[in-house]
């Protein structure tokens, strides 16, 4: 939690949910985040089944802007998925990246930690190879596919099948 808050506290970008503060007591941690009244992209996608190319383009452009900002500051998000993209304005499709629980700050080093969400995991992680910020770009490709079709491209019957599909088709 401490690392997540330290990373997000320093971020100020129109496509990243703003952290205004936090406090805690003996039992709980309280985080004060920017309000995004339309929920997350996952909820919207489930309602609409899939997005038009134009709607998907608007979302992806904003996610890429947020990732450029993060990567310029040596931050890898490591969990890009519809649930971690909040909708600020449905009419203009203004979205913001959130949930920095898997994010890490890295300077010119590759990572080895296995993390992320099954359908969005890059082949390097499945193969237990070192990786860098490009795993976020892989996830953007998966996100694009899912927004346009309503499902992730490599989903199998279970986690193992999904990982097999990712490595079989991509390495």
N, C-alpha and C. Protein backbone atom coordinates (compact mmCIF):
# COMPACT_ATOMS: atom_id res chain seq x y z
N UNK A 1 0.83 -1.19 0.00
CA UNK A 1 0.00 0.00 0.00
C UNK A 1 0.88 1.26 0.00
N UNK A 2 1.96 1.22 0.77
CA UNK A 2 2.83 2.38 0.87
C UNK A 2 3.44 2.72 -0.49
N UNK A 3 3.92 1.70 -1.21
CA UNK A 3 4.52 1.93 -2.53
C UNK A 3 3.48 2.48 -3.51
N UNK A 4 2.27 1.92 -3.47
CA UNK A 4 1.20 2.37 -4.34
C UNK A 4 0.91 3.85 -4.11
N UNK A 5 0.79 4.25 -2.86
CA UNK A 5 0.51 5.65 -2.54
C UNK A 5 1.67 6.57 -2.89
N UNK A 6 2.89 6.13 -2.66
CA UNK A 6 4.06 6.94 -3.01
C UNK A 6 4.12 7.21 -4.51
N UNK A 7 3.83 6.19 -5.29
CA UNK A 7 3.84 6.37 -6.75
C UNK A 7 2.71 7.30 -7.18
N UNK A 8 1.49 7.02 -6.74
CA UNK A 8 0.35 7.80 -7.21
C UNK A 8 0.37 9.24 -6.70
N UNK A 9 0.93 9.47 -5.53
CA UNK A 9 0.99 10.81 -4.96
C UNK A 9 1.73 11.79 -5.88
N UNK A 10 2.72 11.30 -6.60
CA UNK A 10 3.56 12.16 -7.46
C UNK A 10 2.96 12.38 -8.85
N UNK A 11 1.87 11.72 -9.16
CA UNK A 11 1.31 11.78 -10.51
C UNK A 11 0.27 12.88 -10.64
N UNK A 12 0.37 13.61 -11.75
CA UNK A 12 -0.60 14.66 -12.05
C UNK A 12 -0.78 14.72 -13.56
N UNK A 13 -1.80 14.01 -14.04
CA UNK A 13 -2.05 13.91 -15.48
C UNK A 13 -3.55 13.82 -15.70
N UNK A 14 -4.05 14.42 -16.77
CA UNK A 14 -5.50 14.41 -17.01
C UNK A 14 -6.11 13.03 -17.23
N UNK A 15 -5.29 12.02 -17.48
CA UNK A 15 -5.81 10.67 -17.71
C UNK A 15 -5.38 9.69 -16.62
N UNK A 16 -5.05 10.23 -15.45
CA UNK A 16 -4.72 9.41 -14.29
C UNK A 16 -5.53 9.93 -13.10
N UNK A 17 -6.19 9.01 -12.40
CA UNK A 17 -6.99 9.40 -11.24
C UNK A 17 -6.08 10.06 -10.20
N UNK A 18 -6.50 11.19 -9.74
CA UNK A 18 -5.72 11.99 -8.79
C UNK A 18 -5.90 11.46 -7.37
N UNK A 19 -4.79 11.33 -6.67
CA UNK A 19 -4.79 10.98 -5.25
C UNK A 19 -4.72 12.29 -4.47
N UNK A 20 -5.76 12.57 -3.68
CA UNK A 20 -5.79 13.81 -2.92
C UNK A 20 -5.22 13.66 -1.52
N UNK A 21 -5.24 12.46 -1.01
CA UNK A 21 -4.69 12.24 0.33
C UNK A 21 -5.06 10.88 0.86
N UNK A 22 -4.59 10.62 2.06
CA UNK A 22 -4.90 9.34 2.72
C UNK A 22 -4.73 9.51 4.22
N UNK A 23 -5.36 8.63 4.97
CA UNK A 23 -5.19 8.59 6.42
C UNK A 23 -5.52 7.18 6.88
N UNK A 24 -5.24 6.89 8.11
CA UNK A 24 -5.49 5.54 8.61
C UNK A 24 -5.78 5.58 10.10
N UNK A 25 -6.38 4.50 10.56
CA UNK A 25 -6.59 4.31 11.99
C UNK A 25 -6.11 2.91 12.35
N UNK A 26 -6.47 2.42 13.50
CA UNK A 26 -5.99 1.11 13.96
C UNK A 26 -6.45 -0.03 13.06
N UNK A 27 -7.59 0.14 12.39
CA UNK A 27 -8.17 -0.96 11.63
C UNK A 27 -8.12 -0.80 10.11
N UNK A 28 -8.05 0.43 9.62
CA UNK A 28 -8.22 0.63 8.18
C UNK A 28 -7.34 1.74 7.63
N UNK A 29 -7.16 1.67 6.32
CA UNK A 29 -6.49 2.70 5.54
C UNK A 29 -7.55 3.38 4.71
N UNK A 30 -7.55 4.70 4.60
CA UNK A 30 -8.54 5.45 3.83
C UNK A 30 -7.81 6.26 2.77
N UNK A 31 -8.22 6.10 1.54
CA UNK A 31 -7.57 6.78 0.43
C UNK A 31 -8.60 7.72 -0.21
N UNK A 32 -8.21 8.97 -0.41
CA UNK A 32 -9.10 9.97 -1.00
C UNK A 32 -8.68 10.19 -2.45
N UNK A 33 -9.52 9.69 -3.36
CA UNK A 33 -9.24 9.76 -4.79
C UNK A 33 -10.24 10.66 -5.50
N UNK A 34 -9.85 11.11 -6.67
CA UNK A 34 -10.74 11.87 -7.54
C UNK A 34 -11.99 11.03 -7.84
N UNK A 35 -13.12 11.67 -7.87
CA UNK A 35 -14.39 10.99 -8.12
C UNK A 35 -14.63 10.83 -9.62
N UNK A 36 -14.92 9.62 -10.04
CA UNK A 36 -15.24 9.32 -11.43
C UNK A 36 -16.61 8.65 -11.44
N UNK A 37 -17.64 9.43 -11.67
CA UNK A 37 -19.00 9.00 -11.38
C UNK A 37 -19.57 7.92 -12.29
N UNK A 38 -18.93 7.61 -13.41
CA UNK A 38 -19.51 6.64 -14.32
C UNK A 38 -18.92 5.23 -14.18
N UNK A 39 -18.21 4.98 -13.12
CA UNK A 39 -17.68 3.63 -12.89
C UNK A 39 -16.48 3.32 -13.76
N UNK A 40 -16.28 2.03 -14.01
CA UNK A 40 -15.10 1.64 -14.78
C UNK A 40 -15.48 1.14 -16.17
N UNK A 41 -14.48 1.03 -17.00
CA UNK A 41 -14.67 0.63 -18.39
C UNK A 41 -15.22 -0.78 -18.52
N UNK A 42 -14.87 -1.65 -17.59
CA UNK A 42 -15.38 -3.02 -17.60
C UNK A 42 -16.90 -3.03 -17.53
N UNK A 43 -17.44 -2.24 -16.61
CA UNK A 43 -18.90 -2.17 -16.46
C UNK A 43 -19.56 -1.66 -17.74
N UNK A 44 -18.97 -0.64 -18.33
CA UNK A 44 -19.51 -0.06 -19.55
C UNK A 44 -19.43 -1.06 -20.70
N UNK A 45 -18.33 -1.77 -20.80
CA UNK A 45 -18.15 -2.75 -21.87
C UNK A 45 -19.14 -3.91 -21.72
N UNK A 46 -19.41 -4.34 -20.50
CA UNK A 46 -20.38 -5.42 -20.29
C UNK A 46 -21.78 -4.98 -20.72
N UNK A 47 -22.12 -3.72 -20.46
CA UNK A 47 -23.43 -3.21 -20.88
C UNK A 47 -23.54 -3.11 -22.40
N UNK A 48 -22.47 -2.62 -23.04
CA UNK A 48 -22.52 -2.34 -24.48
C UNK A 48 -22.03 -3.51 -25.34
N UNK A 49 -21.45 -4.53 -24.74
CA UNK A 49 -20.92 -5.72 -25.43
C UNK A 49 -19.60 -5.45 -26.15
N UNK A 50 -19.52 -4.40 -26.95
CA UNK A 50 -18.28 -3.97 -27.58
C UNK A 50 -18.43 -2.50 -27.96
N UNK A 51 -17.30 -1.86 -28.27
CA UNK A 51 -17.31 -0.44 -28.61
C UNK A 51 -17.13 -0.25 -30.12
N UNK A 52 -17.60 0.85 -30.61
CA UNK A 52 -17.31 1.23 -32.00
C UNK A 52 -15.81 1.53 -32.11
N UNK A 53 -15.31 1.52 -33.32
CA UNK A 53 -13.89 1.83 -33.52
C UNK A 53 -13.56 3.22 -32.98
N UNK A 54 -14.45 4.18 -33.21
CA UNK A 54 -14.20 5.54 -32.75
C UNK A 54 -14.16 5.62 -31.22
N UNK A 55 -15.09 4.96 -30.56
CA UNK A 55 -15.12 4.97 -29.09
C UNK A 55 -13.88 4.29 -28.52
N UNK A 56 -13.50 3.15 -29.10
CA UNK A 56 -12.29 2.45 -28.67
C UNK A 56 -11.05 3.33 -28.90
N UNK A 57 -11.01 4.02 -30.03
CA UNK A 57 -9.88 4.90 -30.34
C UNK A 57 -9.73 6.00 -29.29
N UNK A 58 -10.85 6.59 -28.89
CA UNK A 58 -10.81 7.65 -27.87
C UNK A 58 -10.25 7.12 -26.55
N UNK A 59 -10.69 5.94 -26.16
CA UNK A 59 -10.22 5.34 -24.90
C UNK A 59 -8.73 5.02 -24.99
N UNK A 60 -8.34 4.32 -26.04
CA UNK A 60 -6.95 3.88 -26.18
C UNK A 60 -6.00 5.07 -26.26
N UNK A 61 -6.38 6.12 -26.95
CA UNK A 61 -5.53 7.31 -27.04
C UNK A 61 -5.24 7.88 -25.65
N UNK A 62 -6.25 7.91 -24.79
CA UNK A 62 -6.07 8.45 -23.44
C UNK A 62 -5.23 7.52 -22.56
N UNK A 63 -5.44 6.23 -22.71
CA UNK A 63 -4.63 5.27 -21.95
C UNK A 63 -3.16 5.38 -22.37
N UNK A 64 -2.92 5.50 -23.67
CA UNK A 64 -1.55 5.65 -24.16
C UNK A 64 -0.92 6.95 -23.64
N UNK A 65 -1.68 8.04 -23.61
CA UNK A 65 -1.17 9.30 -23.04
C UNK A 65 -0.77 9.11 -21.59
N UNK A 66 -1.61 8.44 -20.81
CA UNK A 66 -1.31 8.18 -19.40
C UNK A 66 -0.05 7.32 -19.28
N UNK A 67 0.07 6.29 -20.12
CA UNK A 67 1.25 5.41 -20.06
C UNK A 67 2.52 6.13 -20.49
N UNK A 68 2.43 6.98 -21.49
CA UNK A 68 3.60 7.78 -21.88
C UNK A 68 4.09 8.61 -20.69
N UNK A 69 3.15 9.23 -20.01
CA UNK A 69 3.47 10.03 -18.82
C UNK A 69 4.14 9.15 -17.76
N UNK A 70 3.56 7.99 -17.48
CA UNK A 70 4.13 7.09 -16.47
C UNK A 70 5.52 6.61 -16.87
N UNK A 71 5.64 6.15 -18.11
CA UNK A 71 6.92 5.60 -18.57
C UNK A 71 8.01 6.67 -18.61
N UNK A 72 7.65 7.91 -18.93
CA UNK A 72 8.62 9.02 -18.88
C UNK A 72 9.13 9.24 -17.46
N UNK A 73 8.36 8.81 -16.47
CA UNK A 73 8.74 8.94 -15.06
C UNK A 73 9.20 7.61 -14.48
N UNK A 74 9.53 6.67 -15.36
CA UNK A 74 10.05 5.35 -14.97
C UNK A 74 9.09 4.56 -14.10
N UNK A 75 7.80 4.67 -14.40
CA UNK A 75 6.78 3.90 -13.68
C UNK A 75 6.14 2.92 -14.66
N UNK A 76 6.06 1.67 -14.26
CA UNK A 76 5.34 0.65 -15.02
C UNK A 76 4.05 0.36 -14.25
N UNK A 77 2.92 0.41 -14.92
CA UNK A 77 1.63 0.19 -14.25
C UNK A 77 1.43 -1.29 -13.91
N UNK A 78 1.66 -2.16 -14.86
CA UNK A 78 1.62 -3.62 -14.73
C UNK A 78 0.24 -4.24 -14.51
N UNK A 79 -0.84 -3.47 -14.66
CA UNK A 79 -2.16 -4.07 -14.54
C UNK A 79 -3.21 -3.29 -15.35
N UNK A 80 -2.87 -3.05 -16.62
CA UNK A 80 -3.81 -2.36 -17.51
C UNK A 80 -4.92 -3.34 -17.86
N UNK A 81 -6.15 -2.93 -17.60
CA UNK A 81 -7.34 -3.73 -17.92
C UNK A 81 -8.55 -2.82 -17.75
N UNK A 82 -9.72 -3.21 -18.30
CA UNK A 82 -10.89 -2.33 -18.23
C UNK A 82 -11.31 -1.95 -16.81
N UNK A 83 -11.10 -2.83 -15.86
CA UNK A 83 -11.48 -2.54 -14.47
C UNK A 83 -10.65 -1.41 -13.87
N UNK A 84 -9.46 -1.16 -14.42
CA UNK A 84 -8.56 -0.14 -13.90
C UNK A 84 -8.57 1.15 -14.73
N UNK A 85 -9.64 1.32 -15.48
CA UNK A 85 -9.83 2.55 -16.25
C UNK A 85 -11.21 3.09 -15.89
N UNK A 86 -11.21 4.26 -15.27
CA UNK A 86 -12.46 4.86 -14.81
C UNK A 86 -12.99 5.86 -15.82
N UNK A 87 -14.31 5.95 -15.90
CA UNK A 87 -14.98 6.83 -16.86
C UNK A 87 -15.41 8.10 -16.14
N UNK A 88 -14.88 9.22 -16.61
CA UNK A 88 -15.19 10.53 -16.03
C UNK A 88 -16.38 11.16 -16.75
N UNK A 89 -16.41 11.02 -18.07
CA UNK A 89 -17.47 11.62 -18.88
C UNK A 89 -17.86 10.62 -19.98
N UNK A 90 -19.08 10.10 -19.93
CA UNK A 90 -19.54 9.12 -20.92
C UNK A 90 -19.72 9.71 -22.30
N UNK A 91 -20.20 10.94 -22.38
CA UNK A 91 -20.46 11.56 -23.68
C UNK A 91 -19.17 11.81 -24.46
N UNK A 92 -18.15 12.30 -23.77
CA UNK A 92 -16.87 12.59 -24.42
C UNK A 92 -15.89 11.43 -24.31
N UNK A 93 -16.30 10.38 -23.60
CA UNK A 93 -15.46 9.21 -23.33
C UNK A 93 -14.12 9.62 -22.70
N UNK A 94 -14.20 10.49 -21.70
CA UNK A 94 -13.00 10.87 -20.95
C UNK A 94 -12.75 9.80 -19.89
N UNK A 95 -11.56 9.19 -19.94
CA UNK A 95 -11.22 8.11 -19.01
C UNK A 95 -9.93 8.42 -18.26
N UNK A 96 -9.75 7.71 -17.13
CA UNK A 96 -8.56 7.89 -16.30
C UNK A 96 -8.08 6.54 -15.78
N UNK A 97 -6.79 6.36 -15.84
CA UNK A 97 -6.16 5.15 -15.33
C UNK A 97 -6.12 5.20 -13.81
N UNK A 98 -6.40 4.06 -13.16
CA UNK A 98 -6.38 3.99 -11.71
C UNK A 98 -5.71 2.70 -11.25
N UNK A 99 -5.74 2.46 -9.96
CA UNK A 99 -5.24 1.26 -9.31
C UNK A 99 -3.75 1.02 -9.59
N UNK A 100 -2.94 1.58 -8.74
CA UNK A 100 -1.49 1.47 -8.88
C UNK A 100 -0.90 0.43 -7.93
N UNK A 101 -1.72 -0.55 -7.57
CA UNK A 101 -1.30 -1.60 -6.65
C UNK A 101 -0.16 -2.46 -7.16
N UNK A 102 -0.10 -2.69 -8.47
CA UNK A 102 1.00 -3.47 -9.05
C UNK A 102 2.09 -2.57 -9.64
N UNK A 103 1.89 -1.26 -9.63
CA UNK A 103 2.85 -0.34 -10.25
C UNK A 103 4.20 -0.40 -9.54
N UNK A 104 5.23 -0.12 -10.32
CA UNK A 104 6.58 -0.09 -9.76
C UNK A 104 7.37 1.03 -10.41
N UNK A 105 8.28 1.59 -9.65
CA UNK A 105 9.19 2.61 -10.14
C UNK A 105 10.50 1.93 -10.47
N UNK A 106 10.98 2.11 -11.69
CA UNK A 106 12.19 1.41 -12.12
C UNK A 106 13.03 2.32 -12.99
N UNK A 107 14.31 2.29 -12.80
CA UNK A 107 15.22 3.09 -13.63
C UNK A 107 16.20 2.14 -14.31
N UNK A 108 16.07 2.05 -15.64
CA UNK A 108 16.98 1.24 -16.47
C UNK A 108 17.23 -0.16 -15.94
N UNK A 109 16.21 -0.78 -15.41
CA UNK A 109 16.37 -2.16 -14.97
C UNK A 109 15.16 -2.95 -15.40
N UNK A 110 15.39 -4.22 -15.61
CA UNK A 110 14.28 -5.07 -15.97
C UNK A 110 13.74 -5.72 -14.71
N UNK A 111 12.48 -6.10 -14.77
CA UNK A 111 11.79 -6.68 -13.63
C UNK A 111 11.58 -8.18 -13.85
N UNK A 112 11.31 -8.90 -12.76
CA UNK A 112 11.04 -10.33 -12.83
C UNK A 112 9.76 -10.73 -12.11
N UNK A 113 9.16 -9.82 -11.37
CA UNK A 113 7.97 -10.14 -10.58
C UNK A 113 6.81 -10.50 -11.49
N UNK A 114 6.18 -11.63 -11.23
CA UNK A 114 5.00 -12.03 -11.98
C UNK A 114 3.80 -11.32 -11.38
N UNK A 115 3.13 -10.51 -12.19
CA UNK A 115 1.97 -9.78 -11.70
C UNK A 115 1.07 -9.40 -12.86
N UNK A 116 -0.11 -8.94 -12.54
CA UNK A 116 -1.06 -8.55 -13.57
C UNK A 116 -2.28 -9.44 -13.55
N UNK A 117 -3.09 -9.32 -14.59
CA UNK A 117 -4.33 -10.07 -14.71
C UNK A 117 -4.19 -11.06 -15.87
N UNK A 118 -4.64 -12.26 -15.66
CA UNK A 118 -4.41 -13.39 -16.57
C UNK A 118 -4.52 -13.03 -18.05
N UNK A 119 -5.65 -12.51 -18.49
CA UNK A 119 -5.85 -12.24 -19.92
C UNK A 119 -4.93 -11.17 -20.49
N UNK A 120 -4.33 -10.36 -19.63
CA UNK A 120 -3.52 -9.22 -20.07
C UNK A 120 -2.02 -9.43 -19.88
N UNK A 121 -1.62 -10.56 -19.38
CA UNK A 121 -0.22 -10.83 -19.08
C UNK A 121 0.58 -10.98 -20.37
N UNK A 122 1.72 -10.32 -20.43
CA UNK A 122 2.61 -10.39 -21.60
C UNK A 122 3.34 -11.73 -21.64
N UNK A 123 3.74 -12.16 -22.83
CA UNK A 123 4.45 -13.44 -22.97
C UNK A 123 5.71 -13.54 -22.12
N UNK A 124 6.40 -12.41 -21.92
CA UNK A 124 7.63 -12.43 -21.11
C UNK A 124 7.35 -12.89 -19.68
N UNK A 125 6.23 -12.46 -19.14
CA UNK A 125 5.88 -12.87 -17.78
C UNK A 125 5.56 -14.35 -17.72
N UNK A 126 4.78 -14.83 -18.69
CA UNK A 126 4.41 -16.24 -18.72
C UNK A 126 5.67 -17.10 -18.83
N UNK A 127 6.63 -16.64 -19.63
CA UNK A 127 7.88 -17.39 -19.83
C UNK A 127 8.92 -17.10 -18.75
N UNK A 128 8.54 -16.31 -17.77
CA UNK A 128 9.41 -15.95 -16.65
C UNK A 128 10.72 -15.32 -17.10
N UNK A 129 10.61 -14.44 -18.09
CA UNK A 129 11.76 -13.69 -18.59
C UNK A 129 11.71 -12.27 -18.01
N UNK A 130 12.86 -11.61 -17.90
CA UNK A 130 12.86 -10.21 -17.44
C UNK A 130 12.05 -9.35 -18.41
N UNK A 131 11.43 -8.29 -17.88
CA UNK A 131 10.59 -7.43 -18.70
C UNK A 131 10.80 -5.98 -18.30
N UNK A 132 10.25 -5.08 -19.12
CA UNK A 132 10.31 -3.65 -18.83
C UNK A 132 8.93 -3.03 -19.09
N UNK A 133 8.89 -1.73 -19.30
CA UNK A 133 7.60 -1.04 -19.44
C UNK A 133 6.80 -1.45 -20.67
N UNK A 134 7.41 -2.19 -21.59
CA UNK A 134 6.68 -2.62 -22.78
C UNK A 134 5.56 -3.61 -22.46
N UNK A 135 5.58 -4.19 -21.26
CA UNK A 135 4.45 -5.07 -20.90
C UNK A 135 3.14 -4.27 -20.82
N UNK A 136 3.24 -2.99 -20.49
CA UNK A 136 2.04 -2.14 -20.48
C UNK A 136 1.50 -1.97 -21.90
N UNK A 137 2.39 -1.89 -22.87
CA UNK A 137 1.97 -1.73 -24.27
C UNK A 137 1.29 -3.00 -24.78
N UNK A 138 1.80 -4.15 -24.36
CA UNK A 138 1.15 -5.42 -24.69
C UNK A 138 -0.30 -5.38 -24.18
N UNK A 139 -0.46 -4.95 -22.94
CA UNK A 139 -1.79 -4.91 -22.33
C UNK A 139 -2.71 -3.95 -23.08
N UNK A 140 -2.16 -2.87 -23.62
CA UNK A 140 -2.97 -1.93 -24.42
C UNK A 140 -3.48 -2.63 -25.68
N UNK A 141 -2.65 -3.47 -26.28
CA UNK A 141 -3.10 -4.24 -27.44
C UNK A 141 -4.24 -5.18 -27.08
N UNK A 142 -4.12 -5.85 -25.95
CA UNK A 142 -5.18 -6.74 -25.48
C UNK A 142 -6.45 -5.94 -25.20
N UNK A 143 -6.28 -4.79 -24.55
CA UNK A 143 -7.41 -3.91 -24.24
C UNK A 143 -8.11 -3.47 -25.52
N UNK A 144 -7.35 -3.09 -26.52
CA UNK A 144 -7.92 -2.65 -27.81
C UNK A 144 -8.77 -3.77 -28.41
N UNK A 145 -8.21 -4.96 -28.44
CA UNK A 145 -8.95 -6.12 -28.98
C UNK A 145 -10.25 -6.33 -28.20
N UNK A 146 -10.16 -6.29 -26.87
CA UNK A 146 -11.34 -6.53 -26.05
C UNK A 146 -12.41 -5.45 -26.25
N UNK A 147 -11.99 -4.20 -26.35
CA UNK A 147 -12.97 -3.13 -26.56
C UNK A 147 -13.72 -3.31 -27.88
N UNK A 148 -13.01 -3.78 -28.91
CA UNK A 148 -13.62 -3.92 -30.23
C UNK A 148 -14.44 -5.20 -30.41
N UNK A 149 -14.10 -6.24 -29.65
CA UNK A 149 -14.77 -7.53 -29.85
C UNK A 149 -15.62 -7.97 -28.66
N UNK A 150 -15.35 -7.42 -27.49
CA UNK A 150 -16.08 -7.81 -26.29
C UNK A 150 -15.44 -8.96 -25.52
N UNK A 151 -14.29 -9.45 -26.00
CA UNK A 151 -13.59 -10.53 -25.28
C UNK A 151 -12.09 -10.43 -25.52
N UNK A 152 -11.32 -10.95 -24.60
CA UNK A 152 -9.86 -10.95 -24.73
C UNK A 152 -9.42 -12.00 -25.75
N UNK A 153 -8.30 -11.78 -26.44
CA UNK A 153 -7.93 -12.66 -27.55
C UNK A 153 -7.41 -14.05 -27.18
N UNK A 154 -6.85 -14.23 -26.00
CA UNK A 154 -6.18 -15.49 -25.67
C UNK A 154 -6.88 -16.30 -24.59
N UNK A 155 -8.08 -15.91 -24.20
CA UNK A 155 -8.77 -16.57 -23.10
C UNK A 155 -8.98 -18.06 -23.39
N UNK A 156 -8.57 -18.87 -22.42
CA UNK A 156 -8.77 -20.31 -22.52
C UNK A 156 -9.82 -20.78 -21.53
N UNK A 157 -9.92 -22.09 -21.37
CA UNK A 157 -10.89 -22.67 -20.43
C UNK A 157 -10.51 -22.39 -18.99
N UNK A 158 -9.20 -22.17 -18.77
CA UNK A 158 -8.70 -21.88 -17.43
C UNK A 158 -7.41 -21.06 -17.57
N UNK A 159 -6.82 -20.70 -16.43
CA UNK A 159 -5.60 -19.89 -16.44
C UNK A 159 -4.49 -20.53 -17.26
N UNK A 160 -4.29 -21.80 -17.04
CA UNK A 160 -3.21 -22.50 -17.73
C UNK A 160 -3.40 -22.45 -19.25
N UNK A 161 -4.63 -22.69 -19.71
CA UNK A 161 -4.90 -22.61 -21.15
C UNK A 161 -4.64 -21.21 -21.70
N UNK A 162 -5.03 -20.21 -20.94
CA UNK A 162 -4.79 -18.84 -21.37
C UNK A 162 -3.30 -18.57 -21.51
N UNK A 163 -2.52 -18.97 -20.52
CA UNK A 163 -1.07 -18.79 -20.59
C UNK A 163 -0.47 -19.55 -21.77
N UNK A 164 -0.97 -20.75 -22.01
CA UNK A 164 -0.49 -21.54 -23.15
C UNK A 164 -0.81 -20.82 -24.45
N UNK A 165 -2.02 -20.29 -24.57
CA UNK A 165 -2.40 -19.55 -25.78
C UNK A 165 -1.51 -18.34 -25.98
N UNK A 166 -1.20 -17.63 -24.92
CA UNK A 166 -0.34 -16.44 -25.03
C UNK A 166 1.04 -16.83 -25.54
N UNK A 167 1.64 -17.84 -24.95
CA UNK A 167 3.00 -18.21 -25.34
C UNK A 167 3.04 -18.92 -26.68
N UNK A 168 2.08 -19.77 -26.95
CA UNK A 168 2.05 -20.55 -28.19
C UNK A 168 1.92 -19.62 -29.40
N UNK A 169 1.09 -18.62 -29.26
CA UNK A 169 0.79 -17.75 -30.38
C UNK A 169 1.73 -16.54 -30.49
N UNK A 170 2.53 -16.31 -29.45
CA UNK A 170 3.29 -15.06 -29.44
C UNK A 170 4.80 -15.23 -29.34
N UNK A 171 5.29 -16.38 -29.02
CA UNK A 171 6.75 -16.54 -28.87
C UNK A 171 7.34 -17.34 -30.00
